[in-house]
Amino acid sequence: MSESLFGIHGAALELRSQRMGVIAANIANAATPGFKARDLNFGAALDARLAQKAGAPAAAADPQLLYRRGGLPSLDGNTVELGREQVAFAENALAYSATLSFVQGKVNTLTRALKGE
């Protein structure tokens, strides 16, 4: 029932939450020698989750984490770029909040309908 009411937003919230944890781990390890920054490809993970629900061949239950590319590692081999991680965290938090607001609006609409308002 919740899937028909909320569509993809439940899966989106779960994946956004997982991505937030990955980015937070990157930020926490910004000074750890040899740490390699990782990220979750939200679009690919959501597509895989939707395909799995639609009956496509089972994909991995957990989305695959990818190493970030494009940055220059520090002398100790750490690839975390703090500014980049902070921007990614803020963007992801904003998208999470927007999705949560949409779900909350749906719940409020259903509550008003049940009350007969």
PDB file of N, CA and C in Angstrom:
ATOM      1  N   MET A   1       0.814  -1.188   0.000  1.00  0.00           N
ATOM      2  CA  MET A   1       0.000   0.000   0.000  1.00  0.00           C
ATOM      3  C   MET A   1       0.865   1.261   0.000  1.00  0.00           C
ATOM      4  N   SER A   2       1.916   1.263   0.813  1.00  0.00           N
ATOM      5  CA  SER A   2       2.744   2.466   0.884  1.00  0.00           C
ATOM      6  C   SER A   2       3.427   2.758  -0.444  1.00  0.00           C
ATOM      7  N   GLU A   3       3.770   1.713  -1.200  1.00  0.00           N
ATOM      8  CA  GLU A   3       4.420   1.933  -2.485  1.00  0.00           C
ATOM      9  C   GLU A   3       3.485   2.612  -3.465  1.00  0.00           C
ATOM     10  N   SER A   4       2.204   2.226  -3.446  1.00  0.00           N
ATOM     11  CA  SER A   4       1.263   2.866  -4.356  1.00  0.00           C
ATOM     12  C   SER A   4       0.961   4.293  -3.922  1.00  0.00           C
ATOM     13  N   LEU A   5       1.048   4.585  -2.632  1.00  0.00           N
ATOM     14  CA  LEU A   5       0.790   5.940  -2.145  1.00  0.00           C
ATOM     15  C   LEU A   5       1.976   6.866  -2.346  1.00  0.00           C
ATOM     16  N   PHE A   6       3.158   6.375  -2.078  1.00  0.00           N
ATOM     17  CA  PHE A   6       4.335   7.234  -2.084  1.00  0.00           C
ATOM     18  C   PHE A   6       5.243   7.040  -3.283  1.00  0.00           C
ATOM     19  N   GLY A   7       4.973   6.071  -4.115  1.00  0.00           N
ATOM     20  CA  GLY A   7       5.778   5.851  -5.315  1.00  0.00           C
ATOM     21  C   GLY A   7       7.228   5.555  -4.988  1.00  0.00           C
ATOM     22  N   ILE A   8       8.105   6.235  -5.665  1.00  0.00           N
ATOM     23  CA  ILE A   8       9.538   5.980  -5.515  1.00  0.00           C
ATOM     24  C   ILE A   8      10.150   6.694  -4.309  1.00  0.00           C
ATOM     25  N   HIS A   9       9.365   7.494  -3.635  1.00  0.00           N
ATOM     26  CA  HIS A   9       9.929   8.354  -2.599  1.00  0.00           C
ATOM     27  C   HIS A   9      10.450   7.592  -1.380  1.00  0.00           C
ATOM     28  N   GLY A  10       9.886   6.456  -1.057  1.00  0.00           N
ATOM     29  CA  GLY A  10      10.414   5.651   0.042  1.00  0.00           C
ATOM     30  C   GLY A  10      11.811   5.148  -0.253  1.00  0.00           C
ATOM     31  N   ALA A  11      11.983   4.621  -1.465  1.00  0.00           N
ATOM     32  CA  ALA A  11      13.312   4.149  -1.877  1.00  0.00           C
ATOM     33  C   ALA A  11      14.290   5.317  -1.979  1.00  0.00           C
ATOM     34  N   ALA A  12      13.800   6.457  -2.463  1.00  0.00           N
ATOM     35  CA  ALA A  12      14.668   7.634  -2.595  1.00  0.00           C
ATOM     36  C   ALA A  12      15.157   8.100  -1.227  1.00  0.00           C
ATOM     37  N   LEU A  13      14.266   8.104  -0.232  1.00  0.00           N
ATOM     38  CA  LEU A  13      14.678   8.514   1.116  1.00  0.00           C
ATOM     39  C   LEU A  13      15.730   7.570   1.680  1.00  0.00           C
ATOM     40  N   GLU A  14      15.529   6.295   1.476  1.00  0.00           N
ATOM     41  CA  GLU A  14      16.490   5.305   1.983  1.00  0.00           C
ATOM     42  C   GLU A  14      17.860   5.484   1.333  1.00  0.00           C
ATOM     43  N   LEU A  15      17.889   5.669   0.020  1.00  0.00           N
ATOM     44  CA  LEU A  15      19.154   5.837  -0.687  1.00  0.00           C
ATOM     45  C   LEU A  15      19.821   7.165  -0.339  1.00  0.00           C
ATOM     46  N   ARG A  16      19.030   8.218  -0.189  1.00  0.00           N
ATOM     47  CA  ARG A  16      19.598   9.516   0.211  1.00  0.00           C
ATOM     48  C   ARG A  16      20.232   9.410   1.601  1.00  0.00           C
ATOM     49  N   SER A  17      19.570   8.680   2.486  1.00  0.00           N
ATOM     50  CA  SER A  17      20.102   8.484   3.830  1.00  0.00           C
ATOM     51  C   SER A  17      21.426   7.716   3.779  1.00  0.00           C
ATOM     52  N   GLN A  18      21.485   6.671   2.965  1.00  0.00           N
ATOM     53  CA  GLN A  18      22.721   5.903   2.826  1.00  0.00           C
ATOM     54  C   GLN A  18      23.838   6.772   2.257  1.00  0.00           C
ATOM     55  N   ARG A  19      23.499   7.588   1.259  1.00  0.00           N
ATOM     56  CA  ARG A  19      24.509   8.458   0.650  1.00  0.00           C
ATOM     57  C   ARG A  19      25.017   9.475   1.660  1.00  0.00           C
ATOM     58  N   MET A  20      24.115   9.984   2.504  1.00  0.00           N
ATOM     59  CA  MET A  20      24.526  10.946   3.514  1.00  0.00           C
ATOM     60  C   MET A  20      25.547  10.318   4.468  1.00  0.00           C
ATOM     61  N   GLY A  21      25.336   9.052   4.817  1.00  0.00           N
ATOM     62  CA  GLY A  21      26.283   8.352   5.679  1.00  0.00           C
ATOM     63  C   GLY A  21      27.643   8.175   5.026  1.00  0.00           C
ATOM     64  N   VAL A  22      27.650   7.884   3.739  1.00  0.00           N
ATOM     65  CA  VAL A  22      28.911   7.703   3.012  1.00  0.00           C
ATOM     66  C   VAL A  22      29.675   9.024   2.950  1.00  0.00           C
ATOM     67  N   ILE A  23      28.974  10.107   2.642  1.00  0.00           N
ATOM     68  CA  ILE A  23      29.635  11.415   2.559  1.00  0.00           C
ATOM     69  C   ILE A  23      30.132  11.850   3.941  1.00  0.00           C
ATOM     70  N   ALA A  24      29.334  11.582   4.974  1.00  0.00           N
ATOM     71  CA  ALA A  24      29.755  11.918   6.334  1.00  0.00           C
ATOM     72  C   ALA A  24      31.021  11.147   6.705  1.00  0.00           C
ATOM     73  N   ALA A  25      31.120   9.898   6.289  1.00  0.00           N
ATOM     74  CA  ALA A  25      32.328   9.107   6.545  1.00  0.00           C
ATOM     75  C   ALA A  25      33.528   9.712   5.825  1.00  0.00           C
ATOM     76  N   ASN A  26      33.312  10.204   4.607  1.00  0.00           N
ATOM     77  CA  ASN A  26      34.401  10.872   3.886  1.00  0.00           C
ATOM     78  C   ASN A  26      34.891  12.090   4.664  1.00  0.00           C
ATOM     79  N   ILE A  27      33.943  12.907   5.129  1.00  0.00           N
ATOM     80  CA  ILE A  27      34.308  14.116   5.873  1.00  0.00           C
ATOM     81  C   ILE A  27      35.041  13.749   7.162  1.00  0.00           C
ATOM     82  N   ALA A  28      34.542  12.735   7.850  1.00  0.00           N
ATOM     83  CA  ALA A  28      35.167  12.314   9.108  1.00  0.00           C
ATOM     84  C   ALA A  28      36.589  11.800   8.901  1.00  0.00           C
ATOM     85  N   ASN A  29      36.866  11.282   7.720  1.00  0.00           N
ATOM     86  CA  ASN A  29      38.194  10.718   7.440  1.00  0.00           C
ATOM     87  C   ASN A  29      39.056  11.630   6.577  1.00  0.00           C
ATOM     88  N   ALA A  30      38.747  12.908   6.575  1.00  0.00           N
ATOM     89  CA  ALA A  30      39.496  13.857   5.740  1.00  0.00           C
ATOM     90  C   ALA A  30      40.980  13.920   6.101  1.00  0.00           C
ATOM     91  N   ALA A  31      41.318  13.583   7.325  1.00  0.00           N
ATOM     92  CA  ALA A  31      42.714  13.642   7.751  1.00  0.00           C
ATOM     93  C   ALA A  31      43.331  12.251   7.928  1.00  0.00           C
ATOM     94  N   THR A  32      42.639  11.220   7.501  1.00  0.00           N
ATOM     95  CA  THR A  32      43.146   9.855   7.647  1.00  0.00           C
ATOM     96  C   THR A  32      44.066   9.519   6.476  1.00  0.00           C
ATOM     97  N   PRO A  33      45.315   9.217   6.741  1.00  0.00           N
ATOM     98  CA  PRO A  33      46.240   8.888   5.653  1.00  0.00           C
ATOM     99  C   PRO A  33      45.756   7.679   4.841  1.00  0.00           C
ATOM    100  N   GLY A  34      45.800   7.824   3.525  1.00  0.00           N
ATOM    101  CA  GLY A  34      45.444   6.729   2.640  1.00  0.00           C
ATOM    102  C   GLY A  34      43.949   6.508   2.438  1.00  0.00           C
ATOM    103  N   PHE A  35      43.101   7.307   3.083  1.00  0.00           N
ATOM    104  CA  PHE A  35      41.657   7.107   2.937  1.00  0.00           C
ATOM    105  C   PHE A  35      41.228   7.523   1.538  1.00  0.00           C
ATOM    106  N   LYS A  36      40.412   6.691   0.916  1.00  0.00           N
ATOM    107  CA  LYS A  36      39.898   6.964  -0.426  1.00  0.00           C
ATOM    108  C   LYS A  36      38.428   7.366  -0.321  1.00  0.00           C
ATOM    109  N   ALA A  37      38.107   8.558  -0.819  1.00  0.00           N
ATOM    110  CA  ALA A  37      36.738   9.061  -0.773  1.00  0.00           C
ATOM    111  C   ALA A  37      35.838   8.189  -1.643  1.00  0.00           C
ATOM    112  N   ARG A  38      34.622   7.915  -1.119  1.00  0.00           N
ATOM    113  CA  ARG A  38      33.661   7.092  -1.841  1.00  0.00           C
ATOM    114  C   ARG A  38      32.360   7.854  -1.991  1.00  0.00           C
ATOM    115  N   ASP A  39      31.519   7.377  -2.877  1.00  0.00           N
ATOM    116  CA  ASP A  39      30.208   7.978  -3.067  1.00  0.00           C
ATOM    117  C   ASP A  39      29.264   6.930  -3.611  1.00  0.00           C
ATOM    118  N   LEU A  40      28.001   7.218  -3.506  1.00  0.00           N
ATOM    119  CA  LEU A  40      26.946   6.350  -4.010  1.00  0.00           C
ATOM    120  C   LEU A  40      26.327   7.061  -5.200  1.00  0.00           C
ATOM    121  N   ASN A  41      26.250   6.407  -6.331  1.00  0.00           N
ATOM    122  CA  ASN A  41      25.602   6.984  -7.510  1.00  0.00           C
ATOM    123  C   ASN A  41      24.099   6.867  -7.295  1.00  0.00           C
ATOM    124  N   PHE A  42      23.476   7.957  -6.862  1.00  0.00           N
ATOM    125  CA  PHE A  42      22.071   7.938  -6.480  1.00  0.00           C
ATOM    126  C   PHE A  42      21.174   7.523  -7.650  1.00  0.00           C
ATOM    127  N   GLY A  43      21.388   8.086  -8.803  1.00  0.00           N
ATOM    128  CA  GLY A  43      20.547   7.773  -9.964  1.00  0.00           C
ATOM    129  C   GLY A  43      20.599   6.302 -10.338  1.00  0.00           C
ATOM    130  N   ALA A  44      21.796   5.747 -10.405  1.00  0.00           N
ATOM    131  CA  ALA A  44      21.945   4.334 -10.755  1.00  0.00           C
ATOM    132  C   ALA A  44      21.362   3.434  -9.676  1.00  0.00           C
ATOM    133  N   ALA A  45      21.565   3.808  -8.410  1.00  0.00           N
ATOM    134  CA  ALA A  45      21.030   2.997  -7.310  1.00  0.00           C
ATOM    135  C   ALA A  45      19.507   3.023  -7.298  1.00  0.00           C
ATOM    136  N   LEU A  46      18.919   4.179  -7.568  1.00  0.00           N
ATOM    137  CA  LEU A  46      17.459   4.275  -7.609  1.00  0.00           C
ATOM    138  C   LEU A  46      16.898   3.487  -8.787  1.00  0.00           C
ATOM    139  N   ASP A  47      17.547   3.592  -9.937  1.00  0.00           N
ATOM    140  CA  ASP A  47      17.116   2.803 -11.099  1.00  0.00           C
ATOM    141  C   ASP A  47      17.170   1.312 -10.807  1.00  0.00           C
ATOM    142  N   ALA A  48      18.242   0.866 -10.148  1.00  0.00           N
ATOM    143  CA  ALA A  48      18.379  -0.552  -9.805  1.00  0.00           C
ATOM    144  C   ALA A  48      17.290  -0.980  -8.832  1.00  0.00           C
ATOM    145  N   ARG A  49      17.001  -0.133  -7.851  1.00  0.00           N
ATOM    146  CA  ARG A  49      15.962  -0.447  -6.862  1.00  0.00           C
ATOM    147  C   ARG A  49      14.591  -0.536  -7.526  1.00  0.00           C
ATOM    148  N   LEU A  50      14.304   0.376  -8.447  1.00  0.00           N
ATOM    149  CA  LEU A  50      13.006   0.362  -9.139  1.00  0.00           C
ATOM    150  C   LEU A  50      12.896  -0.837 -10.069  1.00  0.00           C
ATOM    151  N   ALA A  51      13.989  -1.190 -10.735  1.00  0.00           N
ATOM    152  CA  ALA A  51      13.990  -2.361 -11.609  1.00  0.00           C
ATOM    153  C   ALA A  51      13.766  -3.629 -10.803  1.00  0.00           C
ATOM    154  N   GLN A  52      14.354  -3.676  -9.613  1.00  0.00           N
ATOM    155  CA  GLN A  52      14.196  -4.838  -8.749  1.00  0.00           C
ATOM    156  C   GLN A  52      12.737  -4.974  -8.320  1.00  0.00           C
ATOM    157  N   LYS A  53      12.096  -3.865  -7.987  1.00  0.00           N
ATOM    158  CA  LYS A  53      10.686  -3.899  -7.585  1.00  0.00           C
ATOM    159  C   LYS A  53       9.766  -4.227  -8.752  1.00  0.00           C
ATOM    160  N   ALA A  54      10.200  -3.897  -9.968  1.00  0.00           N
ATOM    161  CA  ALA A  54       9.388  -4.158 -11.153  1.00  0.00           C
ATOM    162  C   ALA A  54       9.526  -5.596 -11.633  1.00  0.00           C
ATOM    163  N   GLY A  55      10.357  -6.383 -10.963  1.00  0.00           N
ATOM    164  CA  GLY A  55      10.491  -7.790 -11.317  1.00  0.00           C
ATOM    165  C   GLY A  55      11.660  -8.109 -12.206  1.00  0.00           C
ATOM    166  N   ALA A  56      12.536  -7.148 -12.423  1.00  0.00           N
ATOM    167  CA  ALA A  56      13.732  -7.414 -13.213  1.00  0.00           C
ATOM    168  C   ALA A  56      14.638  -8.350 -12.417  1.00  0.00           C
ATOM    169  N   PRO A  57      15.622  -8.946 -13.060  1.00  0.00           N
ATOM    170  CA  PRO A  57      16.542  -9.812 -12.323  1.00  0.00           C
ATOM    171  C   PRO A  57      17.111  -9.078 -11.112  1.00  0.00           C
ATOM    172  N   ALA A  58      17.238  -9.791 -10.017  1.00  0.00           N
ATOM    173  CA  ALA A  58      17.651  -9.183  -8.752  1.00  0.00           C
ATOM    174  C   ALA A  58      19.017  -8.529  -8.866  1.00  0.00           C
ATOM    175  N   ALA A  59      19.052  -7.264  -8.506  1.00  0.00           N
ATOM    176  CA  ALA A  59      20.313  -6.537  -8.436  1.00  0.00           C
ATOM    177  C   ALA A  59      20.832  -6.664  -7.010  1.00  0.00           C
ATOM    178  N   ALA A  60      21.990  -6.144  -6.780  1.00  0.00           N
ATOM    179  CA  ALA A  60      22.543  -6.187  -5.427  1.00  0.00           C
ATOM    180  C   ALA A  60      21.620  -5.435  -4.475  1.00  0.00           C
ATOM    181  N   ALA A  61      21.425  -5.988  -3.284  1.00  0.00           N
ATOM    182  CA  ALA A  61      20.536  -5.372  -2.305  1.00  0.00           C
ATOM    183  C   ALA A  61      21.071  -4.018  -1.861  1.00  0.00           C
ATOM    184  N   ASP A  62      22.372  -3.920  -1.683  1.00  0.00           N
ATOM    185  CA  ASP A  62      22.968  -2.661  -1.294  1.00  0.00           C
ATOM    186  C   ASP A  62      23.559  -1.996  -2.525  1.00  0.00           C
ATOM    187  N   PRO A  63      23.370  -0.675  -2.633  1.00  0.00           N
ATOM    188  CA  PRO A  63      23.947   0.011  -3.790  1.00  0.00           C
ATOM    189  C   PRO A  63      25.469  -0.035  -3.732  1.00  0.00           C
ATOM    190  N   GLN A  64      26.067  -0.099  -4.899  1.00  0.00           N
ATOM    191  CA  GLN A  64      27.517  -0.199  -4.975  1.00  0.00           C
ATOM    192  C   GLN A  64      28.140   1.170  -4.697  1.00  0.00           C
ATOM    193  N   LEU A  65      29.114   1.178  -3.817  1.00  0.00           N
ATOM    194  CA  LEU A  65      29.850   2.405  -3.529  1.00  0.00           C
ATOM    195  C   LEU A  65      31.008   2.514  -4.508  1.00  0.00           C
ATOM    196  N   LEU A  66      31.187   3.706  -5.014  1.00  0.00           N
ATOM    197  CA  LEU A  66      32.244   3.958  -5.983  1.00  0.00           C
ATOM    198  C   LEU A  66      33.275   4.889  -5.374  1.00  0.00           C
ATOM    199  N   TYR A  67      34.512   4.744  -5.813  1.00  0.00           N
ATOM    200  CA  TYR A  67      35.543   5.680  -5.376  1.00  0.00           C
ATOM    201  C   TYR A  67      35.404   6.962  -6.182  1.00  0.00           C
ATOM    202  N   ARG A  68      35.575   8.094  -5.514  1.00  0.00           N
ATOM    203  CA  ARG A  68      35.520   9.383  -6.216  1.00  0.00           C
ATOM    204  C   ARG A  68      36.743   9.522  -7.114  1.00  0.00           C
ATOM    205  N   ARG A  69      36.514  10.139  -8.260  1.00  0.00           N
ATOM    206  CA  ARG A  69      37.604  10.376  -9.204  1.00  0.00           C
ATOM    207  C   ARG A  69      37.708  11.857  -9.495  1.00  0.00           C
ATOM    208  N   GLY A  70      38.797  12.248 -10.064  1.00  0.00           N
ATOM    209  CA  GLY A  70      38.949  13.618 -10.516  1.00  0.00           C
ATOM    210  C   GLY A  70      39.739  14.504  -9.581  1.00  0.00           C
ATOM    211  N   GLY A  71      39.905  14.107  -8.362  1.00  0.00           N
ATOM    212  CA  GLY A  71      40.654  14.929  -7.424  1.00  0.00           C
ATOM    213  C   GLY A  71      42.099  14.480  -7.339  1.00  0.00           C
ATOM    214  N   LEU A  72      42.906  15.327  -6.814  1.00  0.00           N
ATOM    215  CA  LEU A  72      44.309  14.980  -6.608  1.00  0.00           C
ATOM    216  C   LEU A  72      44.490  14.503  -5.172  1.00  0.00           C
ATOM    217  N   PRO A  73      45.066  13.329  -4.991  1.00  0.00           N
ATOM    218  CA  PRO A  73      45.302  12.858  -3.628  1.00  0.00           C
ATOM    219  C   PRO A  73      46.356  13.720  -2.941  1.00  0.00           C
ATOM    220  N   SER A  74      46.235  13.804  -1.627  1.00  0.00           N
ATOM    221  CA  SER A  74      47.245  14.538  -0.865  1.00  0.00           C
ATOM    222  C   SER A  74      48.520  13.692  -0.798  1.00  0.00           C
ATOM    223  N   LEU A  75      49.541  14.229  -0.194  1.00  0.00           N
ATOM    224  CA  LEU A  75      50.823  13.516  -0.118  1.00  0.00           C
ATOM    225  C   LEU A  75      50.712  12.198   0.641  1.00  0.00           C
ATOM    226  N   ASP A  76      49.746  12.112   1.572  1.00  0.00           N
ATOM    227  CA  ASP A  76      49.585  10.874   2.341  1.00  0.00           C
ATOM    228  C   ASP A  76      48.619   9.891   1.668  1.00  0.00           C
ATOM    229  N   GLY A  77      48.151  10.212   0.448  1.00  0.00           N
ATOM    230  CA  GLY A  77      47.284   9.310  -0.297  1.00  0.00           C
ATOM    231  C   GLY A  77      45.791   9.495  -0.053  1.00  0.00           C
ATOM    232  N   ASN A  78      45.424  10.444   0.779  1.00  0.00           N
ATOM    233  CA  ASN A  78      44.011  10.711   1.064  1.00  0.00           C
ATOM    234  C   ASN A  78      43.395  11.457  -0.121  1.00  0.00           C
ATOM    235  N   THR A  79      42.220  11.001  -0.588  1.00  0.00           N
ATOM    236  CA  THR A  79      41.571  11.625  -1.743  1.00  0.00           C
ATOM    237  C   THR A  79      40.361  12.480  -1.374  1.00  0.00           C
ATOM    238  N   VAL A  80      40.132  12.723  -0.095  1.00  0.00           N
ATOM    239  CA  VAL A  80      38.986  13.530   0.335  1.00  0.00           C
ATOM    240  C   VAL A  80      39.289  15.003   0.095  1.00  0.00           C
ATOM    241  N   GLU A  81      38.403  15.663  -0.651  1.00  0.00           N
ATOM    242  CA  GLU A  81      38.467  17.108  -0.821  1.00  0.00           C
ATOM    243  C   GLU A  81      37.332  17.673   0.016  1.00  0.00           C
ATOM    244  N   LEU A  82      37.661  18.292   1.126  1.00  0.00           N
ATOM    245  CA  LEU A  82      36.674  18.692   2.111  1.00  0.00           C
ATOM    246  C   LEU A  82      35.588  19.596   1.518  1.00  0.00           C
ATOM    247  N   GLY A  83      35.954  20.564   0.717  1.00  0.00           N
ATOM    248  CA  GLY A  83      34.966  21.459   0.107  1.00  0.00           C
ATOM    249  C   GLY A  83      33.986  20.706  -0.779  1.00  0.00           C
ATOM    250  N   ARG A  84      34.506  19.803  -1.572  1.00  0.00           N
ATOM    251  CA  ARG A  84      33.667  18.993  -2.465  1.00  0.00           C
ATOM    252  C   ARG A  84      32.695  18.124  -1.663  1.00  0.00           C
ATOM    253  N   GLU A  85      33.183  17.554  -0.572  1.00  0.00           N
ATOM    254  CA  GLU A  85      32.336  16.700   0.262  1.00  0.00           C
ATOM    255  C   GLU A  85      31.242  17.522   0.951  1.00  0.00           C
ATOM    256  N   GLN A  86      31.594  18.705   1.399  1.00  0.00           N
ATOM    257  CA  GLN A  86      30.602  19.559   2.055  1.00  0.00           C
ATOM    258  C   GLN A  86      29.504  19.969   1.087  1.00  0.00           C
ATOM    259  N   VAL A  87      29.861  20.270  -0.140  1.00  0.00           N
ATOM    260  CA  VAL A  87      28.863  20.622  -1.153  1.00  0.00           C
ATOM    261  C   VAL A  87      27.974  19.419  -1.456  1.00  0.00           C
ATOM    262  N   ALA A  88      28.572  18.251  -1.619  1.00  0.00           N
ATOM    263  CA  ALA A  88      27.797  17.037  -1.897  1.00  0.00           C
ATOM    264  C   ALA A  88      26.855  16.726  -0.741  1.00  0.00           C
ATOM    265  N   PHE A  89      27.320  16.911   0.492  1.00  0.00           N
ATOM    266  CA  PHE A  89      26.482  16.666   1.666  1.00  0.00           C
ATOM    267  C   PHE A  89      25.303  17.633   1.690  1.00  0.00           C
ATOM    268  N   ALA A  90      25.567  18.908   1.432  1.00  0.00           N
ATOM    269  CA  ALA A  90      24.496  19.914   1.440  1.00  0.00           C
ATOM    270  C   ALA A  90      23.471  19.644   0.345  1.00  0.00           C
ATOM    271  N   GLU A  91      23.931  19.302  -0.853  1.00  0.00           N
ATOM    272  CA  GLU A  91      23.003  18.992  -1.955  1.00  0.00           C
ATOM    273  C   GLU A  91      22.150  17.778  -1.623  1.00  0.00           C
ATOM    274  N   ASN A  92      22.776  16.747  -1.075  1.00  0.00           N
ATOM    275  CA  ASN A  92      22.051  15.535  -0.728  1.00  0.00           C
ATOM    276  C   ASN A  92      21.044  15.806   0.391  1.00  0.00           C
ATOM    277  N   ALA A  93      21.440  16.609   1.380  1.00  0.00           N
ATOM    278  CA  ALA A  93      20.539  16.949   2.482  1.00  0.00           C
ATOM    279  C   ALA A  93      19.333  17.733   1.975  1.00  0.00           C
ATOM    280  N   LEU A  94      19.555  18.622   1.025  1.00  0.00           N
ATOM    281  CA  LEU A  94      18.457  19.393   0.450  1.00  0.00           C
ATOM    282  C   LEU A  94      17.500  18.482  -0.318  1.00  0.00           C
ATOM    283  N   ALA A  95      18.040  17.560  -1.101  1.00  0.00           N
ATOM    284  CA  ALA A  95      17.197  16.621  -1.845  1.00  0.00           C
ATOM    285  C   ALA A  95      16.434  15.704  -0.888  1.00  0.00           C
ATOM    286  N   TYR A  96      17.082  15.275   0.189  1.00  0.00           N
ATOM    287  CA  TYR A  96      16.420  14.448   1.202  1.00  0.00           C
ATOM    288  C   TYR A  96      15.256  15.215   1.824  1.00  0.00           C
ATOM    289  N   SER A  97      15.508  16.466   2.174  1.00  0.00           N
ATOM    290  CA  SER A  97      14.476  17.306   2.790  1.00  0.00           C
ATOM    291  C   SER A  97      13.305  17.528   1.839  1.00  0.00           C
ATOM    292  N   ALA A  98      13.585  17.747   0.574  1.00  0.00           N
ATOM    293  CA  ALA A  98      12.516  17.953  -0.406  1.00  0.00           C
ATOM    294  C   ALA A  98      11.661  16.700  -0.562  1.00  0.00           C
ATOM    295  N   THR A  99      12.298  15.550  -0.627  1.00  0.00           N
ATOM    296  CA  THR A  99      11.562  14.292  -0.735  1.00  0.00           C
ATOM    297  C   THR A  99      10.735  14.043   0.514  1.00  0.00           C
ATOM    298  N   LEU A 100      11.312  14.315   1.665  1.00  0.00           N
ATOM    299  CA  LEU A 100      10.590  14.148   2.925  1.00  0.00           C
ATOM    300  C   LEU A 100       9.393  15.091   3.010  1.00  0.00           C
ATOM    301  N   SER A 101       9.541  16.305   2.519  1.00  0.00           N
ATOM    302  CA  SER A 101       8.426  17.256   2.495  1.00  0.00           C
ATOM    303  C   SER A 101       7.297  16.752   1.598  1.00  0.00           C
ATOM    304  N   PHE A 102       7.651  16.161   0.473  1.00  0.00           N
ATOM    305  CA  PHE A 102       6.636  15.614  -0.420  1.00  0.00           C
ATOM    306  C   PHE A 102       5.871  14.488   0.272  1.00  0.00           C
ATOM    307  N   VAL A 103       6.589  13.592   0.917  1.00  0.00           N
ATOM    308  CA  VAL A 103       5.948  12.477   1.618  1.00  0.00           C
ATOM    309  C   VAL A 103       5.075  13.005   2.751  1.00  0.00           C
ATOM    310  N   GLN A 104       5.561  13.982   3.475  1.00  0.00           N
ATOM    311  CA  GLN A 104       4.792  14.569   4.564  1.00  0.00           C
ATOM    312  C   GLN A 104       3.519  15.228   4.040  1.00  0.00           C
ATOM    313  N   GLY A 105       3.588  15.866   2.895  1.00  0.00           N
ATOM    314  CA  GLY A 105       2.401  16.449   2.275  1.00  0.00           C
ATOM    315  C   GLY A 105       1.371  15.392   1.914  1.00  0.00           C
ATOM    316  N   LYS A 106       1.839  14.262   1.403  1.00  0.00           N
ATOM    317  CA  LYS A 106       0.932  13.152   1.074  1.00  0.00           C
ATOM    318  C   LYS A 106       0.261  12.623   2.336  1.00  0.00           C
ATOM    319  N   VAL A 107       1.028  12.481   3.408  1.00  0.00           N
ATOM    320  CA  VAL A 107       0.473  11.988   4.667  1.00  0.00           C
ATOM    321  C   VAL A 107      -0.562  12.975   5.203  1.00  0.00           C
ATOM    322  N   ASN A 108      -0.255  14.255   5.151  1.00  0.00           N
ATOM    323  CA  ASN A 108      -1.207  15.269   5.614  1.00  0.00           C
ATOM    324  C   ASN A 108      -2.497  15.244   4.795  1.00  0.00           C
ATOM    325  N   THR A 109      -2.378  15.063   3.493  1.00  0.00           N
ATOM    326  CA  THR A 109      -3.557  14.977   2.629  1.00  0.00           C
ATOM    327  C   THR A 109      -4.405  13.771   2.993  1.00  0.00           C
ATOM    328  N   LEU A 110      -3.757  12.630   3.204  1.00  0.00           N
ATOM    329  CA  LEU A 110      -4.488  11.424   3.596  1.00  0.00           C
ATOM    330  C   LEU A 110      -5.157  11.590   4.958  1.00  0.00           C
ATOM    331  N   THR A 111      -4.461  12.218   5.885  1.00  0.00           N
ATOM    332  CA  THR A 111      -5.024  12.443   7.216  1.00  0.00           C
ATOM    333  C   THR A 111      -6.266  13.326   7.137  1.00  0.00           C
ATOM    334  N   ARG A 112      -6.187  14.387   6.337  1.00  0.00           N
ATOM    335  CA  ARG A 112      -7.352  15.275   6.180  1.00  0.00           C
ATOM    336  C   ARG A 112      -8.509  14.534   5.507  1.00  0.00           C
ATOM    337  N   ALA A 113      -8.194  13.683   4.548  1.00  0.00           N
ATOM    338  CA  ALA A 113      -9.242  12.925   3.866  1.00  0.00           C
ATOM    339  C   ALA A 113      -9.922  11.945   4.828  1.00  0.00           C
ATOM    340  N   LEU A 114      -9.139  11.305   5.679  1.00  0.00           N
ATOM    341  CA  LEU A 114      -9.710  10.376   6.638  1.00  0.00           C
ATOM    342  C   LEU A 114     -10.572  11.087   7.684  1.00  0.00           C
ATOM    343  N   LYS A 115     -10.193  12.319   8.017  1.00  0.00           N
ATOM    344  CA  LYS A 115     -10.970  13.087   8.976  1.00  0.00           C
ATOM    345  C   LYS A 115     -12.209  13.705   8.343  1.00  0.00           C
ATOM    346  N   GLY A 116     -12.251  13.704   7.024  1.00  0.00           N
ATOM    347  CA  GLY A 116     -13.404  14.260   6.311  1.00  0.00           C
ATOM    348  C   GLY A 116     -13.330  15.764   6.140  1.00  0.00           C
ATOM    349  N   GLU A 117     -12.143  16.305   6.169  1.00  0.00           N
ATOM    350  CA  GLU A 117     -11.974  17.756   6.019  1.00  0.00           C
ATOM    351  C   GLU A 117     -11.959  18.160   4.567  1.00  0.00           C
TER     352      GLU A 117
END
